[in-house]
Amino acid sequence: MKEEESKEELIGMMQFHMTSAVYLMKMNLEHDLVERGLLKRVITSMAKKAGCVREEALWETYKDFLDEEIDKILAPVLRFPEGESIINEDQV
């Protein structure tokens, strides 16, 4: 297998798994598939077992998905697509 094809396959697998993790977290929030407290405890345990700071940060980010306070704080925030100007050029 060519090195470039191998890299593309690896990127594809990573994208699939990251997208799946986000989708499953969203589905859990919308449909209460797994009790939040239990899921938080599992994620906290995984974070503690992390092999490096970056891995721990990823687990903590998943835990943030379950934090209802973050939802309340961010509810009024408008999200702009990456690269889109948030400055109205007509008003400058």
C-alpha atoms as a PDB file:
ATOM      1  CA  MET A   1       0.000   0.000   0.000  1.00  0.00           C
ATOM      2  CA  LYS A   2       1.309   3.428  -0.849  1.00  0.00           C
ATOM      3  CA  GLU A   3       2.200   5.776   1.993  1.00  0.00           C
ATOM      4  CA  GLU A   4      -0.258   8.448   0.789  1.00  0.00           C
ATOM      5  CA  GLU A   5      -3.141   5.932   0.669  1.00  0.00           C
ATOM      6  CA  SER A   6      -2.220   4.748   4.155  1.00  0.00           C
ATOM      7  CA  LYS A   7      -2.359   8.312   5.477  1.00  0.00           C
ATOM      8  CA  GLU A   8      -5.747   8.905   3.847  1.00  0.00           C
ATOM      9  CA  GLU A   9      -7.128   5.711   5.376  1.00  0.00           C
ATOM     10  CA  LEU A  10      -5.812   6.667   8.805  1.00  0.00           C
ATOM     11  CA  ILE A  11      -7.366  10.128   8.525  1.00  0.00           C
ATOM     12  CA  GLY A  12     -10.642   8.529   7.448  1.00  0.00           C
ATOM     13  CA  MET A  13     -10.653   6.185  10.456  1.00  0.00           C
ATOM     14  CA  MET A  14      -9.854   9.045  12.828  1.00  0.00           C
ATOM     15  CA  GLN A  15     -12.595  11.209  11.335  1.00  0.00           C
ATOM     16  CA  PHE A  16     -15.117   8.344  11.582  1.00  0.00           C
ATOM     17  CA  HIS A  17     -14.341   7.639  15.238  1.00  0.00           C
ATOM     18  CA  MET A  18     -14.298  11.300  16.333  1.00  0.00           C
ATOM     19  CA  THR A  19     -17.543  12.004  14.473  1.00  0.00           C
ATOM     20  CA  SER A  20     -19.111   8.875  15.973  1.00  0.00           C
ATOM     21  CA  ALA A  21     -18.108   9.902  19.502  1.00  0.00           C
ATOM     22  CA  VAL A  22     -19.634  13.358  19.089  1.00  0.00           C
ATOM     23  CA  TYR A  23     -22.800  11.904  17.527  1.00  0.00           C
ATOM     24  CA  LEU A  24     -23.213   9.380  20.359  1.00  0.00           C
ATOM     25  CA  MET A  25     -22.776  12.095  22.993  1.00  0.00           C
ATOM     26  CA  LYS A  26     -25.416  14.239  21.252  1.00  0.00           C
ATOM     27  CA  MET A  27     -27.790  11.260  20.971  1.00  0.00           C
ATOM     28  CA  ASN A  28     -27.338  10.515  24.656  1.00  0.00           C
ATOM     29  CA  LEU A  29     -28.161  14.112  25.569  1.00  0.00           C
ATOM     30  CA  GLU A  30     -31.260  14.179  23.367  1.00  0.00           C
ATOM     31  CA  HIS A  31     -32.638  10.765  24.355  1.00  0.00           C
ATOM     32  CA  ASP A  32     -31.184  10.026  27.821  1.00  0.00           C
ATOM     33  CA  LEU A  33     -29.740   6.709  26.642  1.00  0.00           C
ATOM     34  CA  VAL A  34     -27.265   6.479  29.538  1.00  0.00           C
ATOM     35  CA  GLU A  35     -27.632   8.238  32.888  1.00  0.00           C
ATOM     36  CA  ARG A  36     -25.399  11.341  32.865  1.00  0.00           C
ATOM     37  CA  GLY A  37     -23.894  10.722  36.285  1.00  0.00           C
ATOM     38  CA  LEU A  38     -22.816   7.207  35.301  1.00  0.00           C
ATOM     39  CA  LEU A  39     -21.329   8.440  32.045  1.00  0.00           C
ATOM     40  CA  LYS A  40     -19.489  11.243  33.880  1.00  0.00           C
ATOM     41  CA  ARG A  41     -17.996   8.718  36.303  1.00  0.00           C
ATOM     42  CA  VAL A  42     -16.825   6.486  33.447  1.00  0.00           C
ATOM     43  CA  ILE A  43     -15.297   9.432  31.582  1.00  0.00           C
ATOM     44  CA  THR A  44     -13.630  10.714  34.763  1.00  0.00           C
ATOM     45  CA  SER A  45     -12.122   7.267  35.294  1.00  0.00           C
ATOM     46  CA  MET A  46     -10.821   7.208  31.723  1.00  0.00           C
ATOM     47  CA  ALA A  47      -9.327  10.692  32.147  1.00  0.00           C
ATOM     48  CA  LYS A  48      -7.480   9.565  35.286  1.00  0.00           C
ATOM     49  CA  LYS A  49      -6.054   6.584  33.376  1.00  0.00           C
ATOM     50  CA  ALA A  50      -4.917   8.770  30.470  1.00  0.00           C
ATOM     51  CA  GLY A  51      -1.358   8.277  29.344  1.00  0.00           C
ATOM     52  CA  CYS A  52      -0.702  11.960  28.697  1.00  0.00           C
ATOM     53  CA  VAL A  53      -2.144  15.421  29.280  1.00  0.00           C
ATOM     54  CA  ARG A  54      -3.638  15.635  25.780  1.00  0.00           C
ATOM     55  CA  GLU A  55      -5.505  12.368  26.205  1.00  0.00           C
ATOM     56  CA  GLU A  56      -6.811  13.542  29.567  1.00  0.00           C
ATOM     57  CA  ALA A  57      -7.964  16.798  27.950  1.00  0.00           C
ATOM     58  CA  LEU A  58      -9.941  14.861  25.333  1.00  0.00           C
ATOM     59  CA  TRP A  59     -11.743  12.874  28.034  1.00  0.00           C
ATOM     60  CA  GLU A  60     -12.456  16.074  29.976  1.00  0.00           C
ATOM     61  CA  THR A  61     -13.904  17.613  26.807  1.00  0.00           C
ATOM     62  CA  TYR A  62     -16.288  14.664  26.484  1.00  0.00           C
ATOM     63  CA  LYS A  63     -17.297  15.233  30.095  1.00  0.00           C
ATOM     64  CA  ASP A  64     -18.050  18.880  29.258  1.00  0.00           C
ATOM     65  CA  PHE A  65     -20.684  17.593  26.817  1.00  0.00           C
ATOM     66  CA  LEU A  66     -22.652  16.450  29.866  1.00  0.00           C
ATOM     67  CA  ASP A  67     -22.361  19.704  31.826  1.00  0.00           C
ATOM     68  CA  GLU A  68     -25.759  21.407  31.784  1.00  0.00           C
ATOM     69  CA  GLU A  69     -24.262  24.611  33.224  1.00  0.00           C
ATOM     70  CA  ILE A  70     -22.138  25.000  30.096  1.00  0.00           C
ATOM     71  CA  ASP A  71     -25.318  24.696  28.008  1.00  0.00           C
ATOM     72  CA  LYS A  72     -26.978  27.475  30.016  1.00  0.00           C
ATOM     73  CA  ILE A  73     -23.942  29.742  29.817  1.00  0.00           C
ATOM     74  CA  LEU A  74     -23.494  29.247  26.083  1.00  0.00           C
ATOM     75  CA  ALA A  75     -27.178  29.390  25.112  1.00  0.00           C
ATOM     76  CA  PRO A  76     -27.114  33.085  24.121  1.00  0.00           C
ATOM     77  CA  VAL A  77     -23.804  32.806  22.234  1.00  0.00           C
ATOM     78  CA  LEU A  78     -24.014  33.095  18.470  1.00  0.00           C
ATOM     79  CA  ARG A  79     -21.695  30.738  16.631  1.00  0.00           C
ATOM     80  CA  PHE A  80     -20.155  31.849  13.363  1.00  0.00           C
ATOM     81  CA  PRO A  81     -18.826  29.349  10.826  1.00  0.00           C
ATOM     82  CA  GLU A  82     -15.046  29.250  10.737  1.00  0.00           C
ATOM     83  CA  GLY A  83     -13.605  31.860   8.418  1.00  0.00           C
ATOM     84  CA  GLU A  84     -16.754  33.943   8.286  1.00  0.00           C
ATOM     85  CA  SER A  85     -16.301  37.571   9.216  1.00  0.00           C
ATOM     86  CA  ILE A  86     -18.190  38.613  12.328  1.00  0.00           C
ATOM     87  CA  ILE A  87     -17.713  42.285  11.469  1.00  0.00           C
ATOM     88  CA  ASN A  88     -20.348  43.839   9.282  1.00  0.00           C
ATOM     89  CA  GLU A  89     -18.197  45.600   6.684  1.00  0.00           C
ATOM     90  CA  ASP A  90     -21.039  48.038   5.912  1.00  0.00           C
ATOM     91  CA  GLN A  91     -20.869  49.455   9.429  1.00  0.00           C
ATOM     92  CA  VAL A  92     -17.098  49.974   9.507  1.00  0.00           C
END
